[in-house]
C-alpha atoms as a PDB file:
ATOM      1  CA  UNK A   1     -60.312  56.018 -65.864  1.00  0.00           C
ATOM      2  CA  UNK A   2     -57.711  58.754 -66.378  1.00  0.00           C
ATOM      3  CA  UNK A   3     -55.178  56.578 -64.573  1.00  0.00           C
ATOM      4  CA  UNK A   4     -55.716  53.789 -67.128  1.00  0.00           C
ATOM      5  CA  UNK A   5     -55.408  56.296 -69.986  1.00  0.00           C
ATOM      6  CA  UNK A   6     -52.126  57.605 -68.569  1.00  0.00           C
ATOM      7  CA  UNK A   7     -50.860  54.056 -68.050  1.00  0.00           C
ATOM      8  CA  UNK A   8     -51.888  53.069 -71.598  1.00  0.00           C
ATOM      9  CA  UNK A   9     -50.182  56.180 -72.985  1.00  0.00           C
ATOM     10  CA  UNK A  10     -46.942  55.425 -71.106  1.00  0.00           C
ATOM     11  CA  UNK A  11     -47.092  51.818 -72.283  1.00  0.00           C
ATOM     12  CA  UNK A  12     -47.559  52.937 -75.888  1.00  0.00           C
ATOM     13  CA  UNK A  13     -44.599  55.302 -75.586  1.00  0.00           C
ATOM     14  CA  UNK A  14     -42.403  52.630 -73.979  1.00  0.00           C
ATOM     15  CA  UNK A  15     -43.337  50.091 -76.637  1.00  0.00           C
ATOM     16  CA  UNK A  16     -42.593  52.566 -79.431  1.00  0.00           C
ATOM     17  CA  UNK A  17     -39.214  53.473 -77.933  1.00  0.00           C
ATOM     18  CA  UNK A  18     -38.287  49.833 -77.402  1.00  0.00           C
ATOM     19  CA  UNK A  19     -39.252  48.831 -80.946  1.00  0.00           C
ATOM     20  CA  UNK A  20     -37.509  51.790 -82.585  1.00  0.00           C
ATOM     21  CA  UNK A  21     -34.300  51.309 -80.616  1.00  0.00           C
ATOM     22  CA  UNK A  22     -34.329  47.614 -81.517  1.00  0.00           C
ATOM     23  CA  UNK A  23     -34.866  48.469 -85.198  1.00  0.00           C
ATOM     24  CA  UNK A  24     -32.002  50.936 -85.139  1.00  0.00           C
ATOM     25  CA  UNK A  25     -29.706  48.461 -83.366  1.00  0.00           C
ATOM     26  CA  UNK A  26     -30.470  45.718 -85.874  1.00  0.00           C
ATOM     27  CA  UNK A  27     -29.655  48.134 -88.689  1.00  0.00           C
ATOM     28  CA  UNK A  28     -26.247  48.745 -87.107  1.00  0.00           C
ATOM     29  CA  UNK A  29     -26.833  52.267 -85.852  1.00  0.00           C
ATOM     30  CA  UNK A  30     -23.898  53.733 -83.975  1.00  0.00           C
ATOM     31  CA  UNK A  31     -25.955  56.646 -82.672  1.00  0.00           C
ATOM     32  CA  UNK A  32     -29.640  56.909 -81.835  1.00  0.00           C
ATOM     33  CA  UNK A  33     -31.695  58.573 -84.566  1.00  0.00           C
ATOM     34  CA  UNK A  34     -33.736  60.878 -82.337  1.00  0.00           C
ATOM     35  CA  UNK A  35     -35.957  62.053 -85.200  1.00  0.00           C
ATOM     36  CA  UNK A  36     -36.921  58.468 -86.037  1.00  0.00           C
ATOM     37  CA  UNK A  37     -37.542  57.831 -82.349  1.00  0.00           C
ATOM     38  CA  UNK A  38     -39.786  60.898 -82.108  1.00  0.00           C
ATOM     39  CA  UNK A  39     -41.677  59.806 -85.231  1.00  0.00           C
ATOM     40  CA  UNK A  40     -42.217  56.309 -83.772  1.00  0.00           C
ATOM     41  CA  UNK A  41     -43.619  57.838 -80.584  1.00  0.00           C
ATOM     42  CA  UNK A  42     -45.805  60.226 -82.548  1.00  0.00           C
ATOM     43  CA  UNK A  43     -47.232  57.347 -84.598  1.00  0.00           C
ATOM     44  CA  UNK A  44     -47.828  55.268 -81.460  1.00  0.00           C
ATOM     45  CA  UNK A  45     -49.792  58.072 -79.831  1.00  0.00           C
ATOM     46  CA  UNK A  46     -51.804  59.052 -82.907  1.00  0.00           C
ATOM     47  CA  UNK A  47     -51.843  56.201 -85.420  1.00  0.00           C
ATOM     48  CA  UNK A  48     -53.248  57.018 -88.819  1.00  0.00           C
ATOM     49  CA  UNK A  49     -54.171  54.704 -91.625  1.00  0.00           C
ATOM     50  CA  UNK A  50     -51.355  53.876 -94.035  1.00  0.00           C
ATOM     51  CA  UNK A  51     -51.269  55.882 -97.253  1.00  0.00           C
ATOM     52  CA  UNK A  52     -51.367  52.754 -99.383  1.00  0.00           C
ATOM     53  CA  UNK A  53     -54.449  51.289 -97.760  1.00  0.00           C
ATOM     54  CA  UNK A  54     -57.451  50.525 -99.911  1.00  0.00           C
ATOM     55  CA  UNK A  55     -57.973  50.391-103.647  1.00  0.00           C
ATOM     56  CA  UNK A  56     -58.376  53.035-106.285  1.00  0.00           C
ATOM     57  CA  UNK A  57     -61.612  52.939-108.306  1.00  0.00           C
ATOM     58  CA  UNK A  58     -59.783  51.722-111.423  1.00  0.00           C
ATOM     59  CA  UNK A  59     -58.467  48.738-109.424  1.00  0.00           C
ATOM     60  CA  UNK A  60     -61.941  47.515-108.476  1.00  0.00           C
ATOM     61  CA  UNK A  61     -63.768  44.735-110.238  1.00  0.00           C
ATOM     62  CA  UNK A  62     -66.756  42.521-109.449  1.00  0.00           C
ATOM     63  CA  UNK A  63     -64.728  40.294-107.111  1.00  0.00           C
ATOM     64  CA  UNK A  64     -63.105  43.014-104.973  1.00  0.00           C
ATOM     65  CA  UNK A  65     -65.490  45.975-104.987  1.00  0.00           C
ATOM     66  CA  UNK A  66     -66.757  45.587-101.412  1.00  0.00           C
END
């Protein structure tokens, strides 16, 4: 099982690197933004819910309160 975990972790890292480098290239980056790359890897390894997810109590009404 640890082998699968290690393989999944490496795959997540590789996917994050690939996606971030592609994003940077499409934005015309001349140099690699290593901090953005590190952040992408960090997010891939420990994803957290987005800050804007969900509704505030004052945004709820009878049709969206569940």
